[in-house]
Amino acid sequence: RAKADRLPVTFQEADAEDLPFADASFDVVLSTFGVMF
């Protein structure tokens, strides 16, 4: 959907209990019916 609306968004899947990113890496962190599992 982001691509269709020409939004510059990068999505990356990762293990929610061990995210492979540095501290304070993102402006927005998103989970839609995912992290709850």
All heavy atoms as atom14 arrays in JSON, in Angstrom:
{
  "sequence": "RAKADRLPVTFQEADAEDLPFADASFDVVLSTFGVMF",
  "atom14_mask": [
    [1, 1, 1, 1, 1, 1, 1, 1, 1, 1, 1, 0, 0, 0],
    [1, 1, 1, 1, 1, 0, 0, 0, 0, 0, 0, 0, 0, 0],
    [1, 1, 1, 1, 1, 1, 1, 1, 1, 0, 0, 0, 0, 0],
    [1, 1, 1, 1, 1, 0, 0, 0, 0, 0, 0, 0, 0, 0],
    [1, 1, 1, 1, 1, 1, 1, 1, 0, 0, 0, 0, 0, 0],
    [1, 1, 1, 1, 1, 1, 1, 1, 1, 1, 1, 0, 0, 0],
    [1, 1, 1, 1, 1, 1, 1, 1, 0, 0, 0, 0, 0, 0],
    [1, 1, 1, 1, 1, 1, 1, 0, 0, 0, 0, 0, 0, 0],
    [1, 1, 1, 1, 1, 1, 1, 0, 0, 0, 0, 0, 0, 0],
    [1, 1, 1, 1, 1, 1, 1, 0, 0, 0, 0, 0, 0, 0],
    [1, 1, 1, 1, 1, 1, 1, 1, 1, 1, 1, 0, 0, 0],
    [1, 1, 1, 1, 1, 1, 1, 1, 1, 0, 0, 0, 0, 0],
    [1, 1, 1, 1, 1, 1, 1, 1, 1, 0, 0, 0, 0, 0],
    [1, 1, 1, 1, 1, 0, 0, 0, 0, 0, 0, 0, 0, 0],
    [1, 1, 1, 1, 1, 1, 1, 1, 0, 0, 0, 0, 0, 0],
    [1, 1, 1, 1, 1, 0, 0, 0, 0, 0, 0, 0, 0, 0],
    [1, 1, 1, 1, 1, 1, 1, 1, 1, 0, 0, 0, 0, 0],
    [1, 1, 1, 1, 1, 1, 1, 1, 0, 0, 0, 0, 0, 0],
    [1, 1, 1, 1, 1, 1, 1, 1, 0, 0, 0, 0, 0, 0],
    [1, 1, 1, 1, 1, 1, 1, 0, 0, 0, 0, 0, 0, 0],
    [1, 1, 1, 1, 1, 1, 1, 1, 1, 1, 1, 0, 0, 0],
    [1, 1, 1, 1, 1, 0, 0, 0, 0, 0, 0, 0, 0, 0],
    [1, 1, 1, 1, 1, 1, 1, 1, 0, 0, 0, 0, 0, 0],
    [1, 1, 1, 1, 1, 0, 0, 0, 0, 0, 0, 0, 0, 0],
    [1, 1, 1, 1, 1, 1, 0, 0, 0, 0, 0, 0, 0, 0],
    [1, 1, 1, 1, 1, 1, 1, 1, 1, 1, 1, 0, 0, 0],
    [1, 1, 1, 1, 1, 1, 1, 1, 0, 0, 0, 0, 0, 0],
    [1, 1, 1, 1, 1, 1, 1, 0, 0, 0, 0, 0, 0, 0],
    [1, 1, 1, 1, 1, 1, 1, 0, 0, 0, 0, 0, 0, 0],
    [1, 1, 1, 1, 1, 1, 1, 1, 0, 0, 0, 0, 0, 0],
    [1, 1, 1, 1, 1, 1, 0, 0, 0, 0, 0, 0, 0, 0],
    [1, 1, 1, 1, 1, 1, 1, 0, 0, 0, 0, 0, 0, 0],
    [1, 1, 1, 1, 1, 1, 1, 1, 1, 1, 1, 0, 0, 0],
    [1, 1, 1, 1, 0, 0, 0, 0, 0, 0, 0, 0, 0, 0],
    [1, 1, 1, 1, 1, 1, 1, 0, 0, 0, 0, 0, 0, 0],
    [1, 1, 1, 1, 1, 1, 1, 1, 0, 0, 0, 0, 0, 0],
    [1, 1, 1, 1, 1, 1, 1, 1, 1, 1, 1, 0, 0, 0]
  ],
  "atom14_positions": [
    [[0.83, -1.19, 0.0], [0.0, 0.0, 0.0], [0.87, 1.26, 0.0], [0.55, 2.24, -0.66], [-0.93, -0.04, 1.22], [-1.86, 1.09, 1.32], [-2.97, 0.98, 0.31], [-3.53, 2.28, 0.07], [-4.22, 2.6, -0.98], [-4.46, 1.73, -1.9], [-4.68, 3.8, -1.12], [0.0, 0.0, 0.0], [0.0, 0.0, 0.0], [0.0, 0.0, 0.0]],
    [[1.95, 1.24, 0.76], [2.85, 2.4, 0.79], [3.42, 2.68, -0.59], [3.5, 3.84, -1.01], [3.98, 2.17, 1.79], [0.0, 0.0, 0.0], [0.0, 0.0, 0.0], [0.0, 0.0, 0.0], [0.0, 0.0, 0.0], [0.0, 0.0, 0.0], [0.0, 0.0, 0.0], [0.0, 0.0, 0.0], [0.0, 0.0, 0.0], [0.0, 0.0, 0.0]],
    [[3.8, 1.63, -1.31], [4.34, 1.81, -2.66], [3.29, 2.43, -3.58], [3.59, 3.34, -4.36], [4.82, 0.47, -3.21], [5.51, 0.58, -4.54], [6.04, -0.79, -4.97], [6.73, -0.68, -6.32], [7.23, -1.99, -6.75], [0.0, 0.0, 0.0], [0.0, 0.0, 0.0], [0.0, 0.0, 0.0], [0.0, 0.0, 0.0], [0.0, 0.0, 0.0]],
    [[2.05, 1.94, -3.5], [0.97, 2.46, -4.35], [0.74, 3.94, -4.1], [0.41, 4.7, -5.01], [-0.3, 1.67, -4.11], [0.0, 0.0, 0.0], [0.0, 0.0, 0.0], [0.0, 0.0, 0.0], [0.0, 0.0, 0.0], [0.0, 0.0, 0.0], [0.0, 0.0, 0.0], [0.0, 0.0, 0.0], [0.0, 0.0, 0.0], [0.0, 0.0, 0.0]],
    [[0.91, 4.37, -2.84], [0.73, 5.78, -2.49], [2.03, 6.58, -2.59], [2.1, 7.73, -2.15], [0.16, 5.9, -1.08], [-1.3, 5.51, -1.01], [-1.98, 5.55, -2.06], [-1.78, 5.17, 0.09], [0.0, 0.0, 0.0], [0.0, 0.0, 0.0], [0.0, 0.0, 0.0], [0.0, 0.0, 0.0], [0.0, 0.0, 0.0], [0.0, 0.0, 0.0]],
    [[3.08, 5.94, -3.13], [4.39, 6.58, -3.31], [4.97, 7.14, -2.01], [5.53, 8.24, -1.99], [4.32, 7.65, -4.39], [3.98, 7.09, -5.75], [4.01, 8.16, -6.82], [3.57, 7.58, -8.08], [2.47, 7.95, -8.7], [1.7, 8.88, -8.22], [2.13, 7.38, -9.84], [0.0, 0.0, 0.0], [0.0, 0.0, 0.0], [0.0, 0.0, 0.0]],
    [[4.81, 6.38, -0.95], [5.36, 6.78, 0.34], [6.74, 6.15, 0.52], [6.91, 4.95, 0.27], [4.44, 6.35, 1.48], [3.06, 6.98, 1.48], [2.18, 6.33, 2.54], [3.14, 8.48, 1.71], [0.0, 0.0, 0.0], [0.0, 0.0, 0.0], [0.0, 0.0, 0.0], [0.0, 0.0, 0.0], [0.0, 0.0, 0.0], [0.0, 0.0, 0.0]],
    [[7.72, 6.91, 0.96], [9.08, 6.37, 1.13], [9.2, 5.6, 2.44], [9.79, 6.06, 3.41], [9.95, 7.63, 1.13], [9.04, 8.68, 1.71], [7.65, 8.34, 1.23], [0.0, 0.0, 0.0], [0.0, 0.0, 0.0], [0.0, 0.0, 0.0], [0.0, 0.0, 0.0], [0.0, 0.0, 0.0], [0.0, 0.0, 0.0], [0.0, 0.0, 0.0]],
    [[8.64, 4.41, 2.47], [8.63, 3.59, 3.68], [9.4, 2.31, 3.41], [9.26, 1.7, 2.35], [7.18, 3.24, 4.09], [7.17, 2.32, 5.3], [6.38, 4.49, 4.36], [0.0, 0.0, 0.0], [0.0, 0.0, 0.0], [0.0, 0.0, 0.0], [0.0, 0.0, 0.0], [0.0, 0.0, 0.0], [0.0, 0.0, 0.0], [0.0, 0.0, 0.0]],
    [[10.22, 1.91, 4.38], [10.93, 0.65, 4.29], [10.37, -0.26, 5.38], [10.31, 0.14, 6.55], [12.44, 0.84, 4.52], [12.93, 1.75, 3.51], [13.18, -0.48, 4.44], [0.0, 0.0, 0.0], [0.0, 0.0, 0.0], [0.0, 0.0, 0.0], [0.0, 0.0, 0.0], [0.0, 0.0, 0.0], [0.0, 0.0, 0.0], [0.0, 0.0, 0.0]],
    [[9.95, -1.45, 5.0], [9.46, -2.43, 5.95], [10.48, -3.55, 6.06], [11.07, -3.95, 5.06], [8.12, -3.01, 5.48], [7.0, -2.02, 5.46], [6.68, -1.34, 4.3], [6.28, -1.75, 6.61], [5.65, -0.42, 4.27], [5.26, -0.82, 6.6], [4.93, -0.16, 5.43], [0.0, 0.0, 0.0], [0.0, 0.0, 0.0], [0.0, 0.0, 0.0]],
    [[10.68, -4.04, 7.29], [11.61, -5.15, 7.5], [11.06, -6.03, 8.59], [10.71, -5.55, 9.67], [12.99, -4.62, 7.89], [14.01, -5.73, 8.0], [15.42, -5.21, 8.2], [15.72, -4.06, 7.89], [16.29, -6.06, 8.69], [0.0, 0.0, 0.0], [0.0, 0.0, 0.0], [0.0, 0.0, 0.0], [0.0, 0.0, 0.0], [0.0, 0.0, 0.0]],
    [[10.97, -7.31, 8.31], [10.53, -8.27, 9.31], [11.7, -8.61, 10.22], [12.84, -8.65, 9.79], [10.04, -9.54, 8.64], [8.76, -9.35, 7.84], [8.29, -10.63, 7.2], [8.56, -11.72, 7.75], [7.65, -10.54, 6.15], [0.0, 0.0, 0.0], [0.0, 0.0, 0.0], [0.0, 0.0, 0.0], [0.0, 0.0, 0.0], [0.0, 0.0, 0.0]],
    [[11.37, -8.88, 11.5], [12.4, -9.26, 12.46], [11.74, -9.94, 13.65], [10.53, -9.85, 13.84], [13.17, -8.02, 12.92], [0.0, 0.0, 0.0], [0.0, 0.0, 0.0], [0.0, 0.0, 0.0], [0.0, 0.0, 0.0], [0.0, 0.0, 0.0], [0.0, 0.0, 0.0], [0.0, 0.0, 0.0], [0.0, 0.0, 0.0], [0.0, 0.0, 0.0]],
    [[12.54, -10.61, 14.45], [12.08, -11.25, 15.67], [11.79, -10.15, 16.69], [12.69, -9.42, 17.1], [13.17, -12.19, 16.19], [12.79, -12.89, 17.5], [11.81, -12.5, 18.16], [13.5, -13.85, 17.86], [0.0, 0.0, 0.0], [0.0, 0.0, 0.0], [0.0, 0.0, 0.0], [0.0, 0.0, 0.0], [0.0, 0.0, 0.0], [0.0, 0.0, 0.0]],
    [[10.54, -10.04, 17.09], [10.13, -8.94, 17.99], [10.78, -9.01, 19.36], [10.83, -8.0, 20.06], [8.61, -8.93, 18.14], [0.0, 0.0, 0.0], [0.0, 0.0, 0.0], [0.0, 0.0, 0.0], [0.0, 0.0, 0.0], [0.0, 0.0, 0.0], [0.0, 0.0, 0.0], [0.0, 0.0, 0.0], [0.0, 0.0, 0.0], [0.0, 0.0, 0.0]],
    [[11.31, -10.16, 19.73], [11.97, -10.28, 21.03], [13.47, -10.02, 20.95], [14.14, -9.96, 21.98], [11.73, -11.67, 21.62], [10.29, -11.9, 22.01], [10.06, -13.3, 22.57], [11.04, -13.98, 22.95], [8.9, -13.7, 22.63], [0.0, 0.0, 0.0], [0.0, 0.0, 0.0], [0.0, 0.0, 0.0], [0.0, 0.0, 0.0], [0.0, 0.0, 0.0]],
    [[13.98, -9.86, 19.73], [15.41, -9.65, 19.54], [15.62, -8.87, 18.25], [16.14, -9.4, 17.26], [16.14, -11.0, 19.49], [17.65, -10.86, 19.44], [18.18, -9.8, 19.85], [18.3, -11.8, 18.96], [0.0, 0.0, 0.0], [0.0, 0.0, 0.0], [0.0, 0.0, 0.0], [0.0, 0.0, 0.0], [0.0, 0.0, 0.0], [0.0, 0.0, 0.0]],
    [[15.21, -7.63, 18.25], [15.27, -6.81, 17.04], [16.72, -6.49, 16.68], [17.49, -6.06, 17.53], [14.47, -5.52, 17.23], [12.96, -5.73, 17.41], [12.26, -4.41, 17.77], [12.35, -6.33, 16.15], [0.0, 0.0, 0.0], [0.0, 0.0, 0.0], [0.0, 0.0, 0.0], [0.0, 0.0, 0.0], [0.0, 0.0, 0.0], [0.0, 0.0, 0.0]],
    [[17.1, -6.71, 15.42], [18.49, -6.53, 15.0], [18.8, -5.08, 14.61], [19.41, -4.83, 13.57], [18.58, -7.46, 13.78], [17.22, -7.4, 13.18], [16.27, -7.29, 14.36], [0.0, 0.0, 0.0], [0.0, 0.0, 0.0], [0.0, 0.0, 0.0], [0.0, 0.0, 0.0], [0.0, 0.0, 0.0], [0.0, 0.0, 0.0], [0.0, 0.0, 0.0]],
    [[18.4, -4.15, 15.45], [18.58, -2.73, 15.16], [19.18, -2.03, 16.37], [18.96, -2.43, 17.51], [17.24, -2.07, 14.81], [16.46, -2.82, 13.77], [15.27, -3.43, 14.09], [16.92, -2.91, 12.47], [14.54, -4.14, 13.14], [16.2, -3.61, 11.5], [15.01, -4.22, 11.84], [0.0, 0.0, 0.0], [0.0, 0.0, 0.0], [0.0, 0.0, 0.0]],
    [[19.89, -0.95, 16.1], [20.49, -0.16, 17.18], [19.4, 0.56, 17.98], [18.29, 0.77, 17.49], [21.45, 0.87, 16.58], [0.0, 0.0, 0.0], [0.0, 0.0, 0.0], [0.0, 0.0, 0.0], [0.0, 0.0, 0.0], [0.0, 0.0, 0.0], [0.0, 0.0, 0.0], [0.0, 0.0, 0.0], [0.0, 0.0, 0.0], [0.0, 0.0, 0.0]],
    [[19.76, 0.95, 19.19], [18.85, 1.74, 20.02], [18.43, 2.99, 19.26], [19.23, 3.6, 18.53], [19.55, 2.16, 21.32], [19.87, 0.98, 22.23], [19.52, -0.16, 21.89], [20.5, 1.22, 23.28], [0.0, 0.0, 0.0], [0.0, 0.0, 0.0], [0.0, 0.0, 0.0], [0.0, 0.0, 0.0], [0.0, 0.0, 0.0], [0.0, 0.0, 0.0]],
    [[17.17, 3.39, 19.45], [16.63, 4.65, 18.91], [16.81, 4.75, 17.39], [17.08, 5.82, 16.86], [17.25, 5.85, 19.62], [0.0, 0.0, 0.0], [0.0, 0.0, 0.0], [0.0, 0.0, 0.0], [0.0, 0.0, 0.0], [0.0, 0.0, 0.0], [0.0, 0.0, 0.0], [0.0, 0.0, 0.0], [0.0, 0.0, 0.0], [0.0, 0.0, 0.0]],
    [[16.62, 3.65, 16.68], [16.83, 3.62, 15.22], [15.64, 4.16, 14.41], [15.82, 4.54, 13.26], [17.07, 2.18, 14.75], [18.25, 1.67, 15.28], [0.0, 0.0, 0.0], [0.0, 0.0, 0.0], [0.0, 0.0, 0.0], [0.0, 0.0, 0.0], [0.0, 0.0, 0.0], [0.0, 0.0, 0.0], [0.0, 0.0, 0.0], [0.0, 0.0, 0.0]],
    [[14.44, 4.16, 14.98], [13.26, 4.41, 14.17], [12.37, 5.5, 14.74], [12.2, 5.63, 15.95], [12.43, 3.12, 14.04], [13.16, 2.02, 13.35], [13.78, 1.03, 14.08], [13.24, 1.99, 11.97], [14.48, 0.02, 13.45], [13.94, 0.98, 11.33], [14.55, -0.01, 12.07], [0.0, 0.0, 0.0], [0.0, 0.0, 0.0], [0.0, 0.0, 0.0]],
    [[11.78, 6.26, 13.82], [10.76, 7.23, 14.19], [9.46, 6.53, 14.52], [8.7, 6.97, 15.38], [10.49, 8.2, 13.03], [11.7, 9.03, 12.66], [12.49, 9.34, 13.57], [11.85, 9.35, 11.47], [0.0, 0.0, 0.0], [0.0, 0.0, 0.0], [0.0, 0.0, 0.0], [0.0, 0.0, 0.0], [0.0, 0.0, 0.0], [0.0, 0.0, 0.0]],
    [[9.18, 5.44, 13.79], [7.93, 4.68, 13.97], [8.26, 3.19, 13.98], [9.01, 2.71, 13.14], [6.93, 4.98, 12.84], [5.68, 4.11, 12.97], [6.55, 6.45, 12.82], [0.0, 0.0, 0.0], [0.0, 0.0, 0.0], [0.0, 0.0, 0.0], [0.0, 0.0, 0.0], [0.0, 0.0, 0.0], [0.0, 0.0, 0.0], [0.0, 0.0, 0.0]],
    [[7.67, 2.49, 14.91], [7.75, 1.04, 15.0], [6.31, 0.54, 14.92], [5.45, 1.04, 15.65], [8.42, 0.58, 16.31], [8.51, -0.93, 16.39], [9.79, 1.22, 16.46], [0.0, 0.0, 0.0], [0.0, 0.0, 0.0], [0.0, 0.0, 0.0], [0.0, 0.0, 0.0], [0.0, 0.0, 0.0], [0.0, 0.0, 0.0], [0.0, 0.0, 0.0]],
    [[6.04, -0.42, 14.05], [4.67, -0.8, 13.75], [4.45, -2.3, 13.86], [5.27, -3.09, 13.39], [4.32, -0.35, 12.33], [2.95, -0.66, 11.79], [1.88, 0.1, 12.58], [2.89, -0.29, 10.31], [0.0, 0.0, 0.0], [0.0, 0.0, 0.0], [0.0, 0.0, 0.0], [0.0, 0.0, 0.0], [0.0, 0.0, 0.0], [0.0, 0.0, 0.0]],
    [[3.31, -2.68, 14.45], [2.9, -4.08, 14.48], [1.39, -4.15, 14.33], [0.65, -3.58, 15.14], [3.31, -4.74, 15.8], [2.73, -6.04, 15.87], [0.0, 0.0, 0.0], [0.0, 0.0, 0.0], [0.0, 0.0, 0.0], [0.0, 0.0, 0.0], [0.0, 0.0, 0.0], [0.0, 0.0, 0.0], [0.0, 0.0, 0.0], [0.0, 0.0, 0.0]],
    [[0.95, -4.85, 13.32], [-0.48, -5.04, 13.12], [-0.8, -6.51, 13.37], [-0.47, -7.37, 12.55], [-0.88, -4.64, 11.68], [-0.44, -3.3, 11.44], [-2.38, -4.73, 11.48], [0.0, 0.0, 0.0], [0.0, 0.0, 0.0], [0.0, 0.0, 0.0], [0.0, 0.0, 0.0], [0.0, 0.0, 0.0], [0.0, 0.0, 0.0], [0.0, 0.0, 0.0]],
    [[-1.37, -6.79, 14.54], [-1.74, -8.15, 14.95], [-0.55, -9.1, 14.84], [-0.69, -10.23, 14.38], [-2.93, -8.67, 14.12], [-4.11, -7.75, 14.13], [-4.51, -7.12, 12.95], [-4.8, -7.49, 15.29], [-5.59, -6.25, 12.95], [-5.89, -6.62, 15.3], [-6.29, -6.0, 14.12], [0.0, 0.0, 0.0], [0.0, 0.0, 0.0], [0.0, 0.0, 0.0]],
    [[0.63, -8.63, 15.25], [1.83, -9.46, 15.14], [2.54, -9.65, 16.45], [2.65, -10.77, 16.96], [0.0, 0.0, 0.0], [0.0, 0.0, 0.0], [0.0, 0.0, 0.0], [0.0, 0.0, 0.0], [0.0, 0.0, 0.0], [0.0, 0.0, 0.0], [0.0, 0.0, 0.0], [0.0, 0.0, 0.0], [0.0, 0.0, 0.0], [0.0, 0.0, 0.0]],
    [[3.05, -8.56, 17.03], [3.86, -8.66, 18.25], [3.08, -9.32, 19.39], [3.67, -9.93, 20.27], [4.42, -7.27, 18.66], [3.35, -6.37, 19.22], [5.57, -7.43, 19.65], [0.0, 0.0, 0.0], [0.0, 0.0, 0.0], [0.0, 0.0, 0.0], [0.0, 0.0, 0.0], [0.0, 0.0, 0.0], [0.0, 0.0, 0.0], [0.0, 0.0, 0.0]],
    [[1.78, -9.24, 19.32], [0.96, -9.83, 20.38], [1.14, -11.35, 20.5], [0.79, -11.94, 21.51], [-0.51, -9.47, 20.17], [-1.13, -10.01, 18.9], [-2.8, -9.41, 18.59], [-3.71, -10.24, 19.86], [0.0, 0.0, 0.0], [0.0, 0.0, 0.0], [0.0, 0.0, 0.0], [0.0, 0.0, 0.0], [0.0, 0.0, 0.0], [0.0, 0.0, 0.0]],
    [[1.72, -11.99, 19.48], [1.91, -13.43, 19.5], [3.28, -13.86, 20.02], [3.61, -15.04, 19.97], [1.68, -14.01, 18.09], [0.24, -13.93, 17.67], [-0.18, -12.92, 16.83], [-0.69, -14.83, 18.15], [-1.52, -12.84, 16.45], [-2.02, -14.76, 17.78], [-2.44, -13.75, 16.93], [0.0, 0.0, 0.0], [0.0, 0.0, 0.0], [0.0, 0.0, 0.0]]
  ]
}
